Amino acid sequence: MKKVDPPSSLRLQNSVSERIVPKLEAQRSARVQAVEAENVTVLEGGTAQISCRLQNYDGSIVVIQNPRRQTLFFNGTRALKDDRFQMVLFTPRLVRITLTNVCVSDEGGYFCQLYTDDTHHLVATLSVVVPPEIPTVEVKTEAVEGGEVELTCLSPRSKPPATLRWVRDQREIPGVISQQENGKIVSVSNTIRIPVERKDNGATLSCEVSHLSLVGQKRVRHYSLDVHCEPTMPSRFHGYHHVRLINVISSQKPHLFKPSVPHKP
């Protein structure tokens, strides 16, 4: 069977289509809407800014949801009754909300969603840092001359965990570190046992806490050793008793000697 070529007009149309269609696809790709999210780290009690950057925005629906997938804002309109969240910016390029008085339970991924022919979404991760307070010192065993004293330095709340160390005369005292988690909050302690003598009474030990939120600074608790010592008898007391003894003896009435008188017959 003889092959029949298509008319020249059809060949021309196909040729034009082959050139035009890729250009249209390229233009369509260049106009595709997209969304970008930025991760945020904030101190507990501070204010977080959560931003969604838009590309080629054409007025489509923008939704922001919290980590529990509750809708916070729908196209700039509040959807969740939590006054800590505020819409501060809504433009074709940037949508931004703020969250005040941030707490650890607010941590997680916030969804920036753009509803077009295809739904686009990205997650902005909110991380909450909990700074440690000045540590406390607990006396586990009293300091007695010739014995050992046991001291525990405690930082009850931090995230991530704080670092504790004992220092005396600018030298670190090795201790036993322990951590206890309470949800995302961590309690850290450092316990030391050191021998004590009479000369250690009044010596100062320091417990230092460091943390990324303190930016190179430290929070310190100082503790002065109170060593219980055995009483000693000063030598002057022996002299005192000796003097009293002499006085007692010398205070006795003298014995009167009466010579005997010869008996006359």
C-alpha atoms as a PDB file:
ATOM      1  CA  MET A   1       0.000   0.000   0.000  1.00  0.00           C
ATOM      2  CA  LYS A   2       1.426   3.402  -1.002  1.00  0.00           C
ATOM      3  CA  LYS A   3       2.004   5.903   1.819  1.00  0.00           C
ATOM      4  CA  VAL A   4       0.184   9.221   1.342  1.00  0.00           C
ATOM      5  CA  ASP A   5       1.885  12.379   2.641  1.00  0.00           C
ATOM      6  CA  PRO A   6      -0.292  14.866   4.601  1.00  0.00           C
ATOM      7  CA  PRO A   7      -1.175  18.141   2.924  1.00  0.00           C
ATOM      8  CA  SER A   8       1.403  20.884   3.142  1.00  0.00           C
ATOM      9  CA  SER A   9      -0.948  23.081   5.172  1.00  0.00           C
ATOM     10  CA  LEU A  10      -1.240  20.362   7.864  1.00  0.00           C
ATOM     11  CA  ARG A  11       2.512  19.890   7.963  1.00  0.00           C
ATOM     12  CA  LEU A  12       2.925  23.637   8.480  1.00  0.00           C
ATOM     13  CA  GLN A  13       0.356  23.652  11.305  1.00  0.00           C
ATOM     14  CA  ASN A  14       2.078  20.777  13.088  1.00  0.00           C
ATOM     15  CA  SER A  15       5.412  22.502  12.715  1.00  0.00           C
ATOM     16  CA  VAL A  16       4.083  25.721  14.242  1.00  0.00           C
ATOM     17  CA  SER A  17       2.466  23.788  17.097  1.00  0.00           C
ATOM     18  CA  GLU A  18       5.712  22.039  17.895  1.00  0.00           C
ATOM     19  CA  ARG A  19       7.411  25.414  18.230  1.00  0.00           C
ATOM     20  CA  ILE A  20       4.649  27.192  20.166  1.00  0.00           C
ATOM     21  CA  VAL A  21       3.671  24.521  22.718  1.00  0.00           C
ATOM     22  CA  PRO A  22       7.115  24.317  24.425  1.00  0.00           C
ATOM     23  CA  LYS A  23       7.151  28.113  24.707  1.00  0.00           C
ATOM     24  CA  LEU A  24       3.722  28.125  26.353  1.00  0.00           C
ATOM     25  CA  GLU A  25       4.793  25.388  28.757  1.00  0.00           C
ATOM     26  CA  ALA A  26       7.929  27.344  29.651  1.00  0.00           C
ATOM     27  CA  GLN A  27       5.905  30.510  30.255  1.00  0.00           C
ATOM     28  CA  ARG A  28       3.423  28.568  32.359  1.00  0.00           C
ATOM     29  CA  SER A  29       6.264  27.070  34.443  1.00  0.00           C
ATOM     30  CA  ALA A  30       7.729  30.538  34.948  1.00  0.00           C
ATOM     31  CA  ARG A  31       4.379  31.736  36.316  1.00  0.00           C
ATOM     32  CA  VAL A  32       3.811  28.767  38.664  1.00  0.00           C
ATOM     33  CA  GLN A  33       2.933  29.964  42.164  1.00  0.00           C
ATOM     34  CA  ALA A  34       5.072  28.752  45.023  1.00  0.00           C
ATOM     35  CA  VAL A  35       5.520  29.350  48.734  1.00  0.00           C
ATOM     36  CA  GLU A  36       8.625  29.394  50.912  1.00  0.00           C
ATOM     37  CA  ALA A  37       8.840  29.192  54.700  1.00  0.00           C
ATOM     38  CA  GLU A  38      11.531  30.291  57.150  1.00  0.00           C
ATOM     39  CA  ASN A  39      12.485  28.420  60.329  1.00  0.00           C
ATOM     40  CA  VAL A  40      12.450  30.443  63.551  1.00  0.00           C
ATOM     41  CA  THR A  41      14.188  30.079  66.954  1.00  0.00           C
ATOM     42  CA  VAL A  42      13.002  32.181  69.897  1.00  0.00           C
ATOM     43  CA  LEU A  43      13.484  32.350  73.681  1.00  0.00           C
ATOM     44  CA  GLU A  44      10.657  31.259  75.941  1.00  0.00           C
ATOM     45  CA  GLY A  45       8.456  34.266  76.656  1.00  0.00           C
ATOM     46  CA  GLY A  46       9.691  36.110  73.572  1.00  0.00           C
ATOM     47  CA  THR A  47       8.026  37.000  70.260  1.00  0.00           C
ATOM     48  CA  ALA A  48       8.298  34.841  67.132  1.00  0.00           C
ATOM     49  CA  GLN A  49       7.863  36.049  63.561  1.00  0.00           C
ATOM     50  CA  ILE A  50       6.596  33.362  61.178  1.00  0.00           C
ATOM     51  CA  SER A  51       6.957  34.290  57.502  1.00  0.00           C
ATOM     52  CA  CYS A  52       5.647  32.764  54.267  1.00  0.00           C
ATOM     53  CA  ARG A  53       7.217  34.056  51.039  1.00  0.00           C
ATOM     54  CA  LEU A  54       5.076  33.875  47.903  1.00  0.00           C
ATOM     55  CA  GLN A  55       6.193  33.581  44.290  1.00  0.00           C
ATOM     56  CA  ASN A  56       4.012  34.632  41.330  1.00  0.00           C
ATOM     57  CA  TYR A  57       1.036  35.126  43.641  1.00  0.00           C
ATOM     58  CA  ASP A  58      -2.207  35.692  41.708  1.00  0.00           C
ATOM     59  CA  GLY A  59      -4.655  36.112  44.575  1.00  0.00           C
ATOM     60  CA  SER A  60      -5.116  32.431  45.406  1.00  0.00           C
ATOM     61  CA  ILE A  61      -6.098  31.362  48.920  1.00  0.00           C
ATOM     62  CA  VAL A  62      -3.328  31.439  51.546  1.00  0.00           C
ATOM     63  CA  VAL A  63      -3.821  29.471  54.762  1.00  0.00           C
ATOM     64  CA  ILE A  64      -1.528  29.351  57.825  1.00  0.00           C
ATOM     65  CA  GLN A  65      -1.939  26.490  60.296  1.00  0.00           C
ATOM     66  CA  ASN A  66      -0.319  25.683  63.643  1.00  0.00           C
ATOM     67  CA  PRO A  67       1.430  22.375  64.483  1.00  0.00           C
ATOM     68  CA  ARG A  68      -1.926  20.844  65.455  1.00  0.00           C
ATOM     69  CA  ARG A  69      -3.196  21.704  61.946  1.00  0.00           C
ATOM     70  CA  GLN A  70      -5.604  24.301  63.306  1.00  0.00           C
ATOM     71  CA  THR A  71      -6.127  27.176  60.876  1.00  0.00           C
ATOM     72  CA  LEU A  72      -4.752  30.423  62.287  1.00  0.00           C
ATOM     73  CA  PHE A  73      -5.452  32.714  59.314  1.00  0.00           C
ATOM     74  CA  PHE A  74      -7.442  32.283  56.128  1.00  0.00           C
ATOM     75  CA  ASN A  75      -6.359  34.862  53.504  1.00  0.00           C
ATOM     76  CA  GLY A  76      -5.410  37.294  56.258  1.00  0.00           C
ATOM     77  CA  THR A  77      -8.575  36.751  58.308  1.00  0.00           C
ATOM     78  CA  ARG A  78      -8.219  35.349  61.830  1.00  0.00           C
ATOM     79  CA  ALA A  79      -9.644  31.855  62.178  1.00  0.00           C
ATOM     80  CA  LEU A  80      -8.408  30.843  65.659  1.00  0.00           C
ATOM     81  CA  LYS A  81      -9.280  32.832  68.786  1.00  0.00           C
ATOM     82  CA  ASP A  82      -5.793  33.237  70.225  1.00  0.00           C
ATOM     83  CA  ASP A  83      -4.838  36.903  70.584  1.00  0.00           C
ATOM     84  CA  ARG A  84      -1.169  36.017  70.840  1.00  0.00           C
ATOM     85  CA  PHE A  85      -1.233  35.517  67.054  1.00  0.00           C
ATOM     86  CA  GLN A  86      -1.377  38.651  64.945  1.00  0.00           C
ATOM     87  CA  MET A  87      -1.328  39.143  61.163  1.00  0.00           C
ATOM     88  CA  VAL A  88       1.210  41.930  60.626  1.00  0.00           C
ATOM     89  CA  LEU A  89       1.794  41.710  56.847  1.00  0.00           C
ATOM     90  CA  PHE A  90      -0.085  40.359  53.841  1.00  0.00           C
ATOM     91  CA  THR A  91       1.370  41.298  50.438  1.00  0.00           C
ATOM     92  CA  PRO A  92       1.676  39.456  47.109  1.00  0.00           C
ATOM     93  CA  ARG A  93       5.218  38.553  48.102  1.00  0.00           C
ATOM     94  CA  LEU A  94       5.199  38.097  51.865  1.00  0.00           C
ATOM     95  CA  VAL A  95       2.757  36.960  54.532  1.00  0.00           C
ATOM     96  CA  ARG A  96       3.935  37.374  58.131  1.00  0.00           C
ATOM     97  CA  ILE A  97       2.365  36.668  61.509  1.00  0.00           C
ATOM     98  CA  THR A  98       3.712  37.191  65.034  1.00  0.00           C
ATOM     99  CA  LEU A  99       3.298  35.046  68.138  1.00  0.00           C
ATOM    100  CA  THR A 100       3.883  36.755  71.499  1.00  0.00           C
ATOM    101  CA  ASN A 101       4.673  35.222  74.889  1.00  0.00           C
ATOM    102  CA  VAL A 102       5.952  32.044  73.254  1.00  0.00           C
ATOM    103  CA  CYS A 103       5.900  28.879  75.367  1.00  0.00           C
ATOM    104  CA  VAL A 104       7.336  25.424  74.779  1.00  0.00           C
ATOM    105  CA  SER A 105       3.933  24.015  73.795  1.00  0.00           C
ATOM    106  CA  ASP A 106       3.921  26.382  70.780  1.00  0.00           C
ATOM    107  CA  GLU A 107       6.927  24.590  69.310  1.00  0.00           C
ATOM    108  CA  GLY A 108       6.585  22.684  66.040  1.00  0.00           C
ATOM    109  CA  GLY A 109       5.861  23.118  62.348  1.00  0.00           C
ATOM    110  CA  TYR A 110       3.660  25.968  61.078  1.00  0.00           C
ATOM    111  CA  PHE A 111       2.137  25.301  57.654  1.00  0.00           C
ATOM    112  CA  CYS A 112       2.148  27.891  54.888  1.00  0.00           C
ATOM    113  CA  GLN A 113      -0.369  26.632  52.321  1.00  0.00           C
ATOM    114  CA  LEU A 114      -1.181  28.103  48.904  1.00  0.00           C
ATOM    115  CA  TYR A 115      -4.306  26.720  47.206  1.00  0.00           C
ATOM    116  CA  THR A 116      -4.042  26.816  43.393  1.00  0.00           C
ATOM    117  CA  ASP A 117      -4.672  24.112  40.777  1.00  0.00           C
ATOM    118  CA  ASP A 118      -2.115  22.173  42.802  1.00  0.00           C
ATOM    119  CA  THR A 119      -1.839  22.769  46.544  1.00  0.00           C
ATOM    120  CA  HIS A 120       1.576  23.992  47.624  1.00  0.00           C
ATOM    121  CA  HIS A 121       2.723  24.053  51.218  1.00  0.00           C
ATOM    122  CA  LEU A 122       5.908  24.361  53.212  1.00  0.00           C
ATOM    123  CA  VAL A 123       6.557  24.140  56.934  1.00  0.00           C
ATOM    124  CA  ALA A 124       8.202  26.830  59.071  1.00  0.00           C
ATOM    125  CA  THR A 125       9.642  25.123  62.146  1.00  0.00           C
ATOM    126  CA  LEU A 126       9.412  27.085  65.404  1.00  0.00           C
ATOM    127  CA  SER A 127      12.018  26.104  68.020  1.00  0.00           C
ATOM    128  CA  VAL A 128      11.760  27.390  71.605  1.00  0.00           C
ATOM    129  CA  VAL A 129      14.858  27.799  73.789  1.00  0.00           C
ATOM    130  CA  VAL A 130      14.485  27.827  77.594  1.00  0.00           C
ATOM    131  CA  PRO A 131      17.328  29.678  79.388  1.00  0.00           C
ATOM    132  CA  PRO A 132      18.419  28.366  82.812  1.00  0.00           C
ATOM    133  CA  GLU A 133      18.027  30.427  85.979  1.00  0.00           C
ATOM    134  CA  ILE A 134      20.770  30.878  88.605  1.00  0.00           C
ATOM    135  CA  PRO A 135      21.371  27.348  89.975  1.00  0.00           C
ATOM    136  CA  THR A 136      20.632  26.300  93.549  1.00  0.00           C
ATOM    137  CA  VAL A 137      22.890  24.376  95.960  1.00  0.00           C
ATOM    138  CA  GLU A 138      21.617  21.539  98.145  1.00  0.00           C
ATOM    139  CA  VAL A 139      23.673  20.196 101.066  1.00  0.00           C
ATOM    140  CA  LYS A 140      23.305  16.406 101.095  1.00  0.00           C
ATOM    141  CA  THR A 141      25.883  15.713 103.853  1.00  0.00           C
ATOM    142  CA  GLU A 142      27.086  18.236 106.445  1.00  0.00           C
ATOM    143  CA  ALA A 143      30.772  19.166 106.482  1.00  0.00           C
ATOM    144  CA  VAL A 144      32.501  17.662 109.529  1.00  0.00           C
ATOM    145  CA  GLU A 145      36.224  17.933 110.180  1.00  0.00           C
ATOM    146  CA  GLY A 146      37.966  14.830 108.846  1.00  0.00           C
ATOM    147  CA  GLY A 147      34.907  13.717 106.859  1.00  0.00           C
ATOM    148  CA  GLU A 148      33.344  14.467 103.470  1.00  0.00           C
ATOM    149  CA  VAL A 149      30.754  16.985 102.363  1.00  0.00           C
ATOM    150  CA  GLU A 150      28.250  16.175  99.597  1.00  0.00           C
ATOM    151  CA  LEU A 151      26.869  19.093  97.590  1.00  0.00           C
ATOM    152  CA  THR A 152      24.439  19.117  94.658  1.00  0.00           C
ATOM    153  CA  CYS A 153      24.093  21.974  92.189  1.00  0.00           C
ATOM    154  CA  LEU A 154      20.695  22.018  90.469  1.00  0.00           C
ATOM    155  CA  SER A 155      19.359  23.746  87.345  1.00  0.00           C
ATOM    156  CA  PRO A 156      15.667  22.731  87.258  1.00  0.00           C
ATOM    157  CA  ARG A 157      14.616  24.107  83.830  1.00  0.00           C
ATOM    158  CA  SER A 158      16.457  24.435  80.535  1.00  0.00           C
ATOM    159  CA  LYS A 159      16.106  23.492  76.876  1.00  0.00           C
ATOM    160  CA  PRO A 160      18.381  22.222  75.487  1.00  0.00           C
ATOM    161  CA  PRO A 161      20.034  20.930  78.697  1.00  0.00           C
ATOM    162  CA  ALA A 162      22.309  23.373  80.504  1.00  0.00           C
ATOM    163  CA  THR A 163      25.913  22.544  81.443  1.00  0.00           C
ATOM    164  CA  LEU A 164      26.842  22.615  85.160  1.00  0.00           C
ATOM    165  CA  ARG A 165      30.280  22.539  86.775  1.00  0.00           C
ATOM    166  CA  TRP A 166      31.754  23.063  90.247  1.00  0.00           C
ATOM    167  CA  VAL A 167      34.771  25.349  90.625  1.00  0.00           C
ATOM    168  CA  ARG A 168      37.133  26.099  93.520  1.00  0.00           C
ATOM    169  CA  ASP A 169      40.065  28.478  93.181  1.00  0.00           C
ATOM    170  CA  GLN A 170      39.486  28.549  89.397  1.00  0.00           C
ATOM    171  CA  ARG A 171      39.839  24.759  89.202  1.00  0.00           C
ATOM    172  CA  GLU A 172      37.001  22.465  88.200  1.00  0.00           C
ATOM    173  CA  ILE A 173      35.870  19.813  90.670  1.00  0.00           C
ATOM    174  CA  PRO A 174      34.706  16.643  88.867  1.00  0.00           C
ATOM    175  CA  GLY A 175      31.170  15.616  89.758  1.00  0.00           C
ATOM    176  CA  VAL A 176      28.369  13.238  88.845  1.00  0.00           C
ATOM    177  CA  ILE A 177      26.003  14.681  86.214  1.00  0.00           C
ATOM    178  CA  SER A 178      22.389  13.582  85.975  1.00  0.00           C
ATOM    179  CA  GLN A 179      19.452  14.717  83.832  1.00  0.00           C
ATOM    180  CA  GLN A 180      15.711  14.319  84.238  1.00  0.00           C
ATOM    181  CA  GLU A 181      13.273  15.113  81.431  1.00  0.00           C
ATOM    182  CA  ASN A 182       9.867  16.647  82.039  1.00  0.00           C
ATOM    183  CA  GLY A 183       8.379  16.746  78.569  1.00  0.00           C
ATOM    184  CA  LYS A 184      10.734  18.914  76.544  1.00  0.00           C
ATOM    185  CA  ILE A 185      12.156  20.622  79.662  1.00  0.00           C
ATOM    186  CA  VAL A 186      15.291  19.131  81.251  1.00  0.00           C
ATOM    187  CA  SER A 187      16.463  19.309  84.876  1.00  0.00           C
ATOM    188  CA  VAL A 188      20.242  18.983  85.302  1.00  0.00           C
ATOM    189  CA  SER A 189      22.250  18.350  88.497  1.00  0.00           C
ATOM    190  CA  ASN A 190      25.936  18.016  89.369  1.00  0.00           C
ATOM    191  CA  THR A 191      26.872  16.304  92.673  1.00  0.00           C
ATOM    192  CA  ILE A 192      30.323  16.355  94.300  1.00  0.00           C
ATOM    193  CA  ARG A 193      31.839  14.699  97.403  1.00  0.00           C
ATOM    194  CA  ILE A 194      35.011  16.271  98.770  1.00  0.00           C
ATOM    195  CA  PRO A 195      37.038  15.758 101.996  1.00  0.00           C
ATOM    196  CA  VAL A 196      37.074  18.664 104.434  1.00  0.00           C
ATOM    197  CA  GLU A 197      39.444  19.735 107.216  1.00  0.00           C
ATOM    198  CA  ARG A 198      39.450  22.557 109.740  1.00  0.00           C
ATOM    199  CA  LYS A 199      41.334  24.796 107.284  1.00  0.00           C
ATOM    200  CA  ASP A 200      38.488  24.471 104.721  1.00  0.00           C
ATOM    201  CA  ASN A 201      36.018  26.336 106.912  1.00  0.00           C
ATOM    202  CA  GLY A 202      34.792  29.409 105.048  1.00  0.00           C
ATOM    203  CA  ALA A 203      36.224  28.306 101.688  1.00  0.00           C
ATOM    204  CA  THR A 204      34.105  29.320  98.670  1.00  0.00           C
ATOM    205  CA  LEU A 205      32.890  26.870  96.032  1.00  0.00           C
ATOM    206  CA  SER A 206      31.063  28.051  92.913  1.00  0.00           C
ATOM    207  CA  CYS A 207      28.522  26.296  90.729  1.00  0.00           C
ATOM    208  CA  GLU A 208      28.480  27.666  87.177  1.00  0.00           C
ATOM    209  CA  VAL A 209      25.753  27.120  84.582  1.00  0.00           C
ATOM    210  CA  SER A 210      26.347  27.773  80.875  1.00  0.00           C
ATOM    211  CA  HIS A 211      23.862  27.622  78.007  1.00  0.00           C
ATOM    212  CA  LEU A 212      23.639  28.655  74.357  1.00  0.00           C
ATOM    213  CA  SER A 213      21.004  31.249  75.259  1.00  0.00           C
ATOM    214  CA  LEU A 214      23.480  33.033  77.571  1.00  0.00           C
ATOM    215  CA  VAL A 215      25.783  33.836  74.623  1.00  0.00           C
ATOM    216  CA  GLY A 216      29.046  33.000  76.366  1.00  0.00           C
ATOM    217  CA  GLN A 217      27.968  34.310  79.782  1.00  0.00           C
ATOM    218  CA  LYS A 218      27.510  32.204  82.924  1.00  0.00           C
ATOM    219  CA  ARG A 219      25.137  32.224  85.847  1.00  0.00           C
ATOM    220  CA  VAL A 220      26.834  31.410  89.144  1.00  0.00           C
ATOM    221  CA  ARG A 221      25.842  30.358  92.655  1.00  0.00           C
ATOM    222  CA  HIS A 222      28.503  30.675  95.389  1.00  0.00           C
ATOM    223  CA  TYR A 223      28.594  28.462  98.495  1.00  0.00           C
ATOM    224  CA  SER A 224      30.777  28.861 101.605  1.00  0.00           C
ATOM    225  CA  LEU A 225      31.833  25.716 103.458  1.00  0.00           C
ATOM    226  CA  ASP A 226      30.730  25.541 107.096  1.00  0.00           C
ATOM    227  CA  VAL A 227      32.987  22.913 108.656  1.00  0.00           C
ATOM    228  CA  HIS A 228      31.987  21.536 112.071  1.00  0.00           C
ATOM    229  CA  CYS A 229      35.151  21.034 114.122  1.00  0.00           C
ATOM    230  CA  GLU A 230      35.884  19.127 117.363  1.00  0.00           C
ATOM    231  CA  PRO A 231      36.457  21.535 120.275  1.00  0.00           C
ATOM    232  CA  THR A 232      40.004  21.766 121.733  1.00  0.00           C
ATOM    233  CA  MET A 233      41.094  22.690 125.324  1.00  0.00           C
ATOM    234  CA  PRO A 234      43.529  25.619 125.300  1.00  0.00           C
ATOM    235  CA  SER A 235      46.643  25.127 127.496  1.00  0.00           C
ATOM    236  CA  ARG A 236      45.799  28.198 129.579  1.00  0.00           C
ATOM    237  CA  PHE A 237      42.887  26.294 131.117  1.00  0.00           C
ATOM    238  CA  HIS A 238      45.332  23.846 132.699  1.00  0.00           C
ATOM    239  CA  GLY A 239      47.207  26.739 134.237  1.00  0.00           C
ATOM    240  CA  TYR A 240      43.959  28.187 135.523  1.00  0.00           C
ATOM    241  CA  HIS A 241      43.038  24.960 137.292  1.00  0.00           C
ATOM    242  CA  HIS A 242      46.548  24.731 138.697  1.00  0.00           C
ATOM    243  CA  VAL A 243      46.333  28.253 140.095  1.00  0.00           C
ATOM    244  CA  ARG A 244      42.978  27.566 141.651  1.00  0.00           C
ATOM    245  CA  LEU A 245      44.373  24.441 143.241  1.00  0.00           C
ATOM    246  CA  ILE A 246      47.258  26.370 144.742  1.00  0.00           C
ATOM    247  CA  ASN A 247      44.889  29.044 145.988  1.00  0.00           C
ATOM    248  CA  VAL A 248      42.664  26.459 147.578  1.00  0.00           C
ATOM    249  CA  ILE A 249      45.581  24.867 149.335  1.00  0.00           C
ATOM    250  CA  SER A 250      47.058  28.179 150.401  1.00  0.00           C
ATOM    251  CA  SER A 251      43.713  29.433 151.610  1.00  0.00           C
ATOM    252  CA  GLN A 252      43.394  26.735 154.233  1.00  0.00           C
ATOM    253  CA  LYS A 253      43.728  27.925 157.794  1.00  0.00           C
ATOM    254  CA  PRO A 254      47.237  27.370 159.179  1.00  0.00           C
ATOM    255  CA  HIS A 255      47.648  24.716 161.876  1.00  0.00           C
ATOM    256  CA  LEU A 256      48.658  26.360 165.183  1.00  0.00           C
ATOM    257  CA  PHE A 257      51.462  24.558 167.000  1.00  0.00           C
ATOM    258  CA  LYS A 258      51.163  24.613 170.746  1.00  0.00           C
ATOM    259  CA  PRO A 259      54.245  23.487 172.636  1.00  0.00           C
ATOM    260  CA  SER A 260      53.540  20.967 175.386  1.00  0.00           C
ATOM    261  CA  VAL A 261      53.823  22.198 178.956  1.00  0.00           C
ATOM    262  CA  PRO A 262      55.628  19.884 181.377  1.00  0.00           C
ATOM    263  CA  HIS A 263      53.296  18.380 183.943  1.00  0.00           C
ATOM    264  CA  LYS A 264      54.114  19.322 187.465  1.00  0.00           C
ATOM    265  CA  PRO A 265      53.710  16.596 189.962  1.00  0.00           C
END
